Structures are given as C-alpha cells and as structure tokens.
Amino acid sequence: MIGKYLNFIRSVSIKWYGELGAILMTSSFIVILLFEFFRLIGLLTNAFIGLVAFMLLPALFIIGLILILFGWLKLKKETGKGTKELLALRFDDNDVKKGVYGSRVFRIVLIFSLFIIVFLGSIFMQMLSFMDEAEFCGTACHSVMNPEWVVYKQSPHSRVKCVECHVGEGVGALVSSKINGTWQMISVTFDLLERPIPTPVHQLRPARETCEKCHWPDKFYGNKLKSIVSYDLDEKSTVKYTTLNMKIDAERTSGKAGMHWHIAEENEVHYAYADEKRTKIVWAEIQLSDGSLKRYNNSLFNDAEVIDSRTMDCVDCHNRATHIYENPSKAIDTRIRRGLLNRELPYFKREALAAIMPGYADQQSAMSGISNHMHHFYQTNYPKLHIAKMAEIDAAITVLQDIYKRNIHHDMNIEWGTYPSHIGHANQTNGCFRCHNSSFKNDENESIGYDCTLCHSILAEDQDQPFKFLLMPDTLDPDYQKHRYLQEEFINSYIE
C-alpha cells in the first residue's frame, strides 16, 4: 500500500516544487496524526500545539497539494500535451487503461481526492472546536490576551466558554467572528493592537442573545441583600459595614419595579452618548408598554456632540461581568475578609494600599517595591513587631503581590482604574449617575429619579453594625432623621 502511494506521488510530482509539495503533504499528514494521537492520550494540551496541529500543519498540507498541482499544470503548458498523454508517459499501460470503472489512475486520483476532502474537513472541524476552547482564546496570543485570561479564570463566568458571549450562535455569528479573528491575528503579528484594548467591545453579540440564556428579566424579582465589608485606614483597620437591600425587580405593574426595569420586555430604553466609553450620556429615551415615549435631555451636552445611540441592554451596567479588574481598596478588603491578610498588624490596610498603588515601571519593580514598603514601615515604626511577625508580614506581601499581578499588566498598559465598572455609582464612571442625575430633564421639566433609595434600601452605610438603621434610632444622634427615614423606607418598600 505504501509502495503504491509512493509510486503514485513520484509520478505526479513534477519538477522540484512538485517534489517539495509531496514532502510537505506527506510529512504534515504524519505529524498531524501523531499530534492528534498524543492529544487524545493527554500528553499534549498546550494551546500552541493546537495552533501547530490545526492551523500551521493543515496550511502546509494545502500548500503542498497546490505545489503538486502547479507542477502538473506547468508541465502541460511546457509540453503542450493533454492530461491523458502525460499520464500515459508517467504510468504503465495497465494503470491508464480504461476499465468499467475508469482507469486505475482515475480510481486512485478519485480515492485520493475524497480522502483529502474528508481529511481537511475533519481537520477544519477540529480547528473550530479547538478555537472554541477558552484556553485557546486566553493563551494563544499570550502577550495580548494574558490580562483577560488571568481575570477570566477568577470570574463568576469562569466556566462559560469565551465563544458563548464573544461569538454567539448561528452561521452568521461564526463567520463574523472568524473574519474579526483573522484581523486580530494580523494585528497581533504586526503589533497593530491598541494597548490597552479599548472598551466597550463593539463585536460582542447582543446581550439578549447571550446573557439571557442564563439570566432573563423574569428571573429578577423581589429584593436581594448585599453586604459590603470594608476596613478603615486607622491603626486597627477597623471594620465597617454597608448593607443594602437591592431592588432588583423587573416588574412594573406592582409599582415595586427595581433596577432591572430598564431591560424588562415591556420597556425599551434608548440613549445617545458623546464618548466611546459611553460615560457621557446626551439623552435618554424611554418607550413604555402603552406606547408612550419620554425623552430626557442632558443640559450638559447638545445633540451635535452625539457619537452614536443604542438600545440599553445588560452590558450598559454590567460592563465588567467577566473580565473584572478590582478596585485596589476593595481587593484588600476582600482578602482580609477571606483570611488571607491579617488586619491585626498596625495600620495594615493603609500601608497595604500605599504599597500597591504607586505607578511602578514594571512588574519586577512592583514586586520589590511592595516588599520594601511593608518591611520598611514595620521595621521603622514597630521594630519588635517586625521581628516577631516576620512570617505574617512576608505572607501578606505575597498576597499583595498577587493582587498587583492580577490587576496590573504593564505590557498592555493596564493600571488601576483602566477598566472601571459601571455597577453602582462609587466608581470613576459614575455608573448609574450617568443618567440618574438632575441634569436630565424632559419637556415637562421632570428629571430622571436619582433618590438614594430608588434602587436600594440603605440598612447601614460605613457603620460599626451591619443593620445599624434597623435598630431603634437615638434621638440624640445627629443622624436621627436620616436613621428614621431609611428605616421607614425599608419597611414601606415591602408594603403593597
């Protein structure tokens, strides 16, 4: 069998480039089979091996095939002879003799062609499957995608494949993603990508097609208790509690609508923006279920500044649903609460924040800077404690360095605050307050609501107790009226 194959290949390989084509075809085919075997038994799992096995080697196989065909066509042109005449010169009479099912050469060519089609088809399907894996997305273009890969693995959606949000379903989505992916490969190869990658990503599938496979407006009902634990910058890193009763309902008819009212099926919110990051909103337009339309214009901007408009969906608020870059203070709070950092060390929160915040030149400088800062502070101000708690300080330094490496990526120019979240209103982008502020007025001079209790009841706000405002208010407390108001608002929010 192998002998017949070699004889056939020698016969159709014309000139040196035909022979080169035969070598490329044969060798790439053998290596692909070996790679696939090793992949199936678990020896090869690296994304770069997949790139070689499913993209580079098939490309070499096709190039080899083209070289063989080119050599054959070149020979026809040079000799002026037809295909039958050339076949008769290069094969035995028995091979070119016409039988019931054609000549032997014809049958070999037919079988060989069918094999190539099946082989390339299977490789193409394997390539699509490989490119759908999250590891390919995160590691194939390591220098560019590594930051997104790092935060993705620690996100709430770490078990959701990248393609389920970035590609979506259907042939159109697949073709569009591959075209866009081709341009991205070219951009990476020739270093054309912007650093950091600009957001929002315009190639994302509509949220209705992706997010609502798992999250849909009807699911959001009632309230959800949210507890935020933070730590002061004082000597004891004193714990503070903020407790919010989030009104997440999408329902409108009951009069208890919450924040997901914006994406309820009976409502449609449109808005126009004056910057690419969609933080400067020029106007917002709401079409209600009865068909009525309300438009609110922002007095700080005019229509001439509008870049584009869009229908509001999930990602207008949940813009960092997966690739979540942390706020430095919250990152430290989270690790303290998990028990990874010891706040018993004097002024720990303050010094930890001071250690990770500077704009270090590179990661190596950052690792040294964080370590030097923490050791210097405790060695200078608490020399005995520095010796006694050396192991705890070193452990804390390791955690702080991990926080830095997770969120700061110098190669992609990603720093603290590069990718802020629109959730809430305590971030650099103002989040909800992009629209919910006194600057937005309609024709009746009504503004979009921006009361603190519109989206949540406040049960504690940086207090020493998690449900401070549910306790009996003290008439001597300067915040007595605020305390009573928030307590009554919470109770009334449950009364039909």
Foldseek 3Di string as FASTA:
>chain_A
DVVVVVLLQVLLQADPLLVVLVVLQVVLVVVLVVLVVCVVVPNDDALVSLCCNLPVSVVSNVSSVVSSVVRNVVVCVVVVDDPLVSCPVRDPPQQQDQDPVGGVSVVVVVVVVVVNVVVNVVSNVVSVVSCQAQNNVQPVLPLQRVLLSLQLCVAPCVVPTPCLWQQFDDPVSVVVVVVVVVVVVVCSVVVVAAFQHDDDDPSTDDCVRRVVVPDDQVVFADWDKDKAWAFDLAFLSAIFIWIWTFQRHLDPPVVLHADVVLVDPQKKKKWFALDRRRLATAKMWMQGNVRDIWIWGFQVDDPVSTPDMDIDDDCLQAVPNRSDADALRSLVRVCVVVVQADSRHTSVSVQLSVLQADDDPALVRSLVSSLCSLLVVCCVPPVVVCVVCVVRSVSNSVSSSVSNVSRDHVSSPGHRQPDDGLHDQPHPSRRVVSQQDQRIATPVRDGHHDDPPRGIQIQGDRHSDNRVLCDDADPPDPCRVVSVVSNVVVVVSPPD
